[in-house]
Protein backbone atom coordinates (compact mmCIF):
# COMPACT_ATOMS: atom_id res chain seq x y z
CA MET A 1 -43.52 -41.71 -25.23
CA THR A 2 -45.93 -38.55 -26.27
CA ASP A 3 -46.44 -35.65 -23.77
CA SER A 4 -50.27 -36.95 -23.98
CA ALA A 5 -48.95 -40.33 -22.63
CA LYS A 6 -47.07 -39.09 -19.64
CA SER A 7 -48.03 -38.75 -16.18
CA SER A 8 -48.08 -35.21 -14.74
CA GLY A 9 -45.35 -35.90 -12.66
CA ASP A 10 -43.25 -36.79 -15.65
CA LEU A 11 -44.38 -33.78 -17.74
CA LEU A 12 -42.89 -31.80 -14.06
CA LYS A 13 -39.69 -33.42 -14.52
CA GLN A 14 -39.67 -32.61 -18.42
CA ALA A 15 -40.72 -28.83 -17.58
CA ASP A 16 -37.76 -28.66 -14.82
CA SER A 17 -35.29 -29.92 -16.93
CA LEU A 18 -36.26 -27.45 -19.57
CA PHE A 19 -36.03 -24.58 -17.01
CA GLN A 20 -32.47 -25.90 -15.63
CA ASP A 21 -31.52 -25.65 -19.36
CA ARG A 22 -32.91 -22.26 -19.95
CA ASP A 23 -35.28 -23.33 -22.26
CA MET A 24 -37.81 -21.09 -21.01
CA GLU A 25 -40.64 -21.11 -24.13
CA ALA A 26 -40.85 -24.71 -23.91
CA ALA A 27 -40.37 -25.12 -20.08
CA PHE A 28 -43.62 -22.90 -20.19
CA ALA A 29 -45.63 -25.14 -22.68
CA VAL A 30 -44.72 -28.11 -20.79
CA TYR A 31 -45.43 -26.80 -17.28
CA ASP A 32 -48.69 -25.62 -18.43
CA LYS A 33 -49.58 -29.08 -19.71
CA ALA A 34 -48.08 -30.57 -16.80
CA HIS A 35 -50.98 -28.48 -14.41
CA GLN A 36 -53.69 -29.41 -16.70
CA LYS A 37 -52.54 -33.31 -16.37
CA ALA A 38 -52.62 -33.02 -12.66
CA ARG A 39 -55.64 -31.70 -12.65
CA GLU A 40 -57.18 -34.82 -14.30
CA GLU A 41 -55.22 -37.01 -12.44
CA PHE A 42 -56.35 -35.03 -9.16
CA ASN A 43 -52.36 -34.74 -8.44
CA ARG A 44 -52.64 -31.41 -6.28
CA PRO A 45 -49.06 -31.54 -5.24
CA VAL A 46 -47.72 -31.74 -9.08
CA GLU A 47 -50.60 -28.79 -10.05
CA VAL A 48 -49.24 -26.49 -7.51
CA GLU A 49 -45.85 -26.74 -8.71
CA ALA A 50 -46.99 -26.20 -12.50
CA LEU A 51 -48.89 -23.32 -11.97
CA ALA A 52 -45.97 -21.73 -9.59
CA GLN A 53 -43.80 -22.35 -12.43
CA ILE A 54 -45.98 -20.69 -14.95
CA ALA A 55 -46.17 -17.68 -12.95
CA ARG A 56 -42.25 -17.52 -12.16
CA LEU A 57 -41.91 -17.95 -16.39
CA SER A 58 -44.58 -15.10 -16.58
CA LEU A 59 -42.78 -12.90 -14.05
CA ALA A 60 -39.70 -13.43 -15.82
CA LYS A 61 -40.47 -12.72 -19.62
CA GLY A 62 -41.91 -9.10 -17.64
CA ASP A 63 -45.73 -10.07 -17.42
CA SER A 64 -45.96 -9.94 -13.52
CA GLY A 65 -49.88 -9.19 -14.11
CA GLY A 66 -50.18 -12.41 -15.88
CA GLY A 67 -47.90 -14.13 -13.72
CA GLU A 68 -49.90 -12.93 -10.76
CA ASP A 69 -53.07 -14.69 -11.87
CA TRP A 70 -51.00 -17.60 -12.24
CA LEU A 71 -49.56 -17.40 -8.69
CA ASP A 72 -53.32 -16.53 -7.26
CA LYS A 73 -54.08 -20.61 -8.66
CA ALA A 74 -51.33 -21.77 -7.13
CA ARG A 75 -52.34 -20.07 -3.54
CA GLU A 76 -55.51 -21.59 -4.05
CA ARG A 77 -54.48 -24.94 -4.19
CA ALA A 78 -51.20 -24.62 -1.95
CA ASP A 79 -51.24 -26.58 1.31
CA LYS A 80 -48.43 -26.80 4.15
CA SER A 81 -49.00 -30.45 4.48
CA ASP A 82 -47.86 -30.72 0.33
CA PRO A 83 -43.59 -30.26 1.14
CA LEU A 84 -42.89 -30.17 -2.75
CA GLY A 85 -46.10 -27.94 -3.87
CA TRP A 86 -45.69 -25.28 -0.33
CA SER A 87 -41.93 -25.05 -1.20
CA ARG A 88 -42.65 -24.32 -4.63
CA PHE A 89 -44.75 -21.86 -4.11
CA LEU A 90 -42.74 -19.96 -1.15
CA GLY A 91 -40.19 -19.69 -3.59
CA VAL A 92 -42.42 -17.77 -6.58
CA GLU A 93 -44.31 -16.02 -3.64
CA GLY A 94 -40.94 -14.60 -2.80
CA ARG A 95 -39.60 -13.70 -6.03
CA PHE A 96 -42.64 -11.56 -6.62
CA GLU A 97 -42.54 -9.95 -3.74
CA TRP A 98 -38.93 -9.11 -4.22
CA LYS A 99 -39.49 -7.93 -8.25
CA ALA A 100 -42.48 -5.66 -6.89
CA GLY A 101 -40.05 -3.85 -4.21
CA ASN A 102 -41.42 -5.65 -1.20
CA THR A 103 -37.96 -6.85 -0.08
CA GLN A 104 -39.03 -7.46 3.95
CA ALA A 105 -41.99 -9.32 2.84
CA ALA A 106 -39.95 -11.31 0.19
CA ARG A 107 -37.36 -11.98 3.04
CA GLU A 108 -39.45 -13.02 5.27
CA THR A 109 -41.22 -15.45 2.46
CA PHE A 110 -37.51 -16.46 1.62
CA GLU A 111 -36.57 -17.22 5.51
CA GLN A 112 -40.16 -19.13 5.84
CA MET A 113 -39.13 -21.53 2.68
CA PHE A 114 -35.63 -21.76 4.26
CA GLU A 115 -36.92 -23.45 7.84
CA TYR A 116 -39.50 -25.53 6.28
CA CYS A 117 -37.26 -26.74 3.54
CA SER A 118 -35.09 -27.64 6.09
CA ALA A 119 -37.33 -29.49 8.37
CA LYS A 120 -38.33 -31.38 5.54
CA SER A 121 -35.01 -32.36 4.20
CA LEU A 122 -35.41 -30.40 1.02
CA TRP A 123 -32.04 -29.42 0.99
CA GLY A 124 -31.98 -28.06 -2.51
CA ARG A 125 -35.11 -25.77 -2.30
CA ALA A 126 -33.39 -24.82 1.30
CA VAL A 127 -30.38 -23.64 -0.59
CA ASP A 128 -32.52 -21.71 -3.21
CA ALA A 129 -34.26 -20.03 0.02
CA ALA A 130 -31.01 -18.87 1.64
CA HIS A 131 -29.58 -18.03 -1.82
CA MET A 132 -32.61 -15.51 -2.26
CA VAL A 133 -32.54 -14.27 1.33
CA ALA A 134 -28.79 -13.28 0.67
CA ILE A 135 -30.35 -11.34 -2.48
CA VAL A 136 -32.74 -9.32 -0.62
CA ALA A 137 -30.81 -8.69 2.39
CA GLU A 138 -29.99 -5.24 3.11
CA SER A 139 -27.18 -5.05 4.94
CA ARG A 140 -23.71 -6.50 3.86
CA GLU A 141 -23.09 -8.61 7.00
CA ASP A 142 -26.74 -10.42 6.37
CA GLN A 143 -25.85 -10.74 2.52
CA ILE A 144 -22.07 -12.59 2.95
CA LYS A 145 -23.92 -14.62 6.19
CA TRP A 146 -26.62 -15.85 4.21
CA SER A 147 -24.48 -16.53 1.31
CA HIS A 148 -22.37 -18.82 3.49
CA VAL A 149 -25.56 -20.40 4.85
CA GLY A 150 -26.19 -21.34 1.12
CA ILE A 151 -22.68 -22.49 0.54
CA GLU A 152 -22.23 -24.65 3.65
CA MET A 153 -25.43 -26.29 3.17
CA ALA A 154 -25.04 -27.01 -0.46
CA GLU A 155 -21.22 -28.39 0.08
CA ALA A 156 -22.85 -30.57 2.71
CA HIS A 157 -25.80 -31.95 0.70
CA HIS A 158 -23.95 -32.30 -2.61
CA SER A 159 -26.27 -29.41 -4.24
CA ASN A 160 -23.19 -28.80 -6.23
CA ARG A 161 -24.80 -27.07 -9.33
CA TRP A 162 -26.25 -24.26 -6.84
CA LEU A 163 -22.37 -23.30 -5.93
CA GLY A 164 -21.88 -21.29 -9.01
CA PRO A 165 -24.41 -18.81 -8.27
CA LEU A 166 -24.25 -18.66 -4.74
CA TRP A 167 -20.26 -18.22 -5.16
CA ASN A 168 -21.59 -15.77 -7.53
CA ASN A 169 -23.50 -13.71 -5.18
CA LEU A 170 -21.22 -13.39 -2.76
CA ALA A 171 -18.51 -12.16 -5.28
CA GLY A 172 -21.28 -9.20 -5.92
CA VAL A 173 -21.32 -7.99 -2.09
CA TYR A 174 -17.40 -7.43 -1.99
CA TYR A 175 -17.68 -6.01 -5.58
CA ASP A 176 -20.32 -3.57 -4.62
CA ASN A 177 -17.81 -2.62 -1.09
CA LYS A 178 -14.52 -2.54 -3.98
CA GLN A 179 -13.19 -5.69 -1.96
CA TYR A 180 -11.62 -6.62 -4.94
CA ASP A 181 -8.80 -9.72 -3.46
CA SER A 182 -12.08 -11.17 -2.08
CA CYS A 183 -14.31 -10.53 -5.06
CA LEU A 184 -11.63 -12.61 -7.17
CA VAL A 185 -11.76 -15.35 -4.81
CA CYS A 186 -15.17 -15.41 -5.23
CA TYR A 187 -15.55 -15.10 -8.89
CA GLN A 188 -12.58 -17.64 -8.79
CA LYS A 189 -14.73 -20.16 -7.00
CA ALA A 190 -17.83 -19.40 -8.92
CA ARG A 191 -16.21 -20.21 -12.29
CA GLU A 192 -14.65 -23.09 -10.85
CA TYR A 193 -18.63 -24.69 -10.10
CA HIS A 194 -19.88 -23.10 -13.63
CA TRP A 195 -17.61 -24.98 -15.48
CA GLN A 196 -18.72 -28.09 -14.38
CA PHE A 197 -22.64 -27.77 -14.07
CA SER A 198 -23.85 -24.44 -16.12
CA GLY A 199 -24.02 -23.53 -19.57
CA GLU A 200 -22.06 -22.05 -22.32
CA THR A 201 -23.17 -18.52 -21.46
CA GLU A 202 -22.61 -18.93 -17.80
CA LYS A 203 -19.75 -20.39 -18.73
CA LEU A 204 -18.38 -17.12 -20.64
CA PHE A 205 -19.57 -14.73 -18.10
CA ALA A 206 -17.86 -16.77 -15.13
CA ASP A 207 -14.57 -15.95 -17.43
CA TYR A 208 -15.38 -12.52 -17.74
CA HIS A 209 -15.95 -11.62 -14.29
CA VAL A 210 -12.76 -13.40 -13.69
CA GLY A 211 -10.83 -10.61 -16.03
CA MET A 212 -13.37 -7.59 -15.14
CA VAL A 213 -11.66 -8.08 -11.36
CA TYR A 214 -8.35 -8.14 -12.54
CA ARG A 215 -8.92 -5.24 -14.63
CA LEU A 216 -10.01 -3.61 -11.31
CA LYS A 217 -7.20 -4.76 -9.30
CA GLY A 218 -4.48 -2.78 -11.73
CA GLU A 219 -3.59 -6.42 -12.90
CA PHE A 220 -3.67 -5.52 -16.80
CA ASP A 221 -1.71 -8.31 -18.29
CA ASN A 222 -3.67 -10.82 -16.32
CA ALA A 223 -7.13 -9.01 -17.39
CA GLU A 224 -6.38 -9.20 -21.03
CA SER A 225 -5.79 -12.87 -20.72
CA TRP A 226 -9.05 -13.55 -20.01
CA LEU A 227 -10.71 -10.67 -21.69
CA ARG A 228 -9.67 -10.95 -25.12
CA PRO A 229 -10.60 -15.08 -25.57
CA VAL A 230 -14.03 -13.70 -23.71
CA LEU A 231 -14.80 -11.54 -26.41
CA ALA A 232 -13.54 -13.65 -29.09
CA TRP A 233 -15.92 -16.16 -27.57
CA ALA A 234 -19.02 -13.38 -27.13
CA GLU A 235 -18.40 -12.35 -30.56
CA ARG A 236 -18.95 -16.06 -31.97
CA LEU A 237 -22.21 -16.39 -29.89
CA GLU A 238 -22.98 -13.01 -30.70
CA ASN A 239 -24.14 -12.10 -26.86
CA HIS A 240 -23.81 -8.31 -27.13
CA SER A 241 -24.25 -8.05 -23.64
CA ALA A 242 -20.76 -10.03 -23.03
CA ILE A 243 -18.90 -8.02 -25.80
CA GLY A 244 -20.21 -4.71 -24.49
CA GLN A 245 -18.73 -5.32 -21.07
CA THR A 246 -15.71 -6.44 -22.47
CA CYS A 247 -14.84 -3.93 -24.49
CA GLU A 248 -15.16 -1.66 -22.11
CA ASP A 249 -13.06 -3.32 -19.97
CA LEU A 250 -10.64 -3.45 -22.36
CA GLY A 251 -11.21 0.08 -23.68
CA GLU A 252 -10.78 1.09 -19.78
CA ILE A 253 -7.28 -0.59 -19.89
CA GLU A 254 -6.01 0.96 -23.00
CA LEU A 255 -7.08 4.45 -21.34
CA ALA A 256 -4.73 3.33 -18.32
CA ARG A 257 -1.95 2.83 -20.48
CA GLY A 258 -1.96 6.01 -22.23
CA ASN A 259 -3.68 4.59 -25.48
CA SER A 260 -6.64 7.00 -25.63
CA THR A 261 -6.75 5.96 -29.33
CA GLY A 262 -7.42 2.36 -28.53
CA GLY A 263 -9.60 3.24 -25.48
CA ILE A 264 -12.04 5.26 -26.91
CA SER A 265 -12.55 3.05 -29.82
CA PHE A 266 -12.68 0.36 -27.38
CA LEU A 267 -15.37 2.40 -25.33
CA LYS A 268 -17.75 3.30 -28.47
CA ARG A 269 -17.92 -0.07 -29.18
CA ALA A 270 -19.04 -1.32 -25.96
CA ARG A 271 -22.23 1.50 -26.23
CA GLU A 272 -22.94 0.38 -29.50
CA GLU A 273 -23.38 -3.35 -28.39
CA TYR A 274 -24.92 -2.21 -25.39
CA GLN A 275 -27.26 -0.34 -28.00
CA LYS A 276 -27.91 -3.87 -29.74
CA THR A 277 -28.99 -5.64 -26.71
CA GLY A 278 -31.70 -2.88 -25.12
CA PHE A 279 -29.58 -1.29 -22.32
CA ASP A 280 -30.16 1.99 -23.52
CA LYS A 281 -33.70 1.26 -22.42
CA SER A 282 -33.51 -1.67 -20.23
CA TRP A 283 -30.80 -0.81 -18.31
CA PRO A 284 -30.28 3.23 -18.56
CA GLU A 285 -27.57 3.41 -15.74
CA ILE A 286 -24.78 1.04 -17.70
CA TRP A 287 -26.08 3.15 -21.06
CA ASP A 288 -25.95 6.81 -19.19
CA ASN A 289 -22.36 5.48 -17.70
CA ILE A 290 -21.01 4.07 -20.70
CA SER A 291 -21.85 7.93 -22.43
CA LYS A 292 -20.80 9.98 -19.86
CA ARG A 293 -17.39 7.94 -20.01
CA ILE A 294 -16.76 8.46 -23.62
CA LYS A 295 -17.43 11.93 -23.26
CA GLU A 296 -14.96 12.77 -20.88
CA VAL A 297 -12.12 10.80 -22.63
CA GLU A 298 -13.41 12.97 -25.81
CA GLU A 299 -12.66 16.75 -24.00
């Protein structure tokens, strides 16, 4: 069936599937068709969902201004009496607030989304909301609390695709607090679900994170047993970010073992890979840290 013959609802499902697969350009095009078809059909709920998702994809591409225009259109059409449209709109509005640095407003929006979706039995979207509250929460206690709220709800209502990201987020909380034993447990749980439900890149980084934490725990043989295969895998995918991160960890392992020549070689390769992926401009903290570390070792 051609896209022109599909209903707006079918187009929305198609776009959501593309979005799940991270084919963002294709998803954007199909969401655009869905919202236009929904207007022809007077299908307001589908129109709101499609408009909200176009806004979200615009934000992901760095076009927050254009995304705001799409979000305004969704806001004009959104109605609290429409559970699917309203919940989708709230999820995107909260993400715009978050990216703009309005974390308190974002938290309030995501908490509103959580309560609304729970009341309407939209369990997957309630899990999304809990996940986002955990991300924007400022205190460690709230981050852990809302991560567990999301995990428990996902398990209770079989929203298993959410469990990889949820365990990842909780691992990040423990990582930030240097609680590496708990961090490792969470990354291992995240890996279990990423390998069941996620794409190849997510599986790659799930393995990387396990190796990374073993390195931080000083278990270098265990770390290498994960990181060496990850490096080969990342090279095959030409994923410069993953190559860089893995090389940085392998470099630190060599330095800890007293092999300064091998260590500096890995660190310099990490810096080269970070530059290839644009971290010197898009993530200056990472770029500055690796440059500083190389200078320390060379001195």
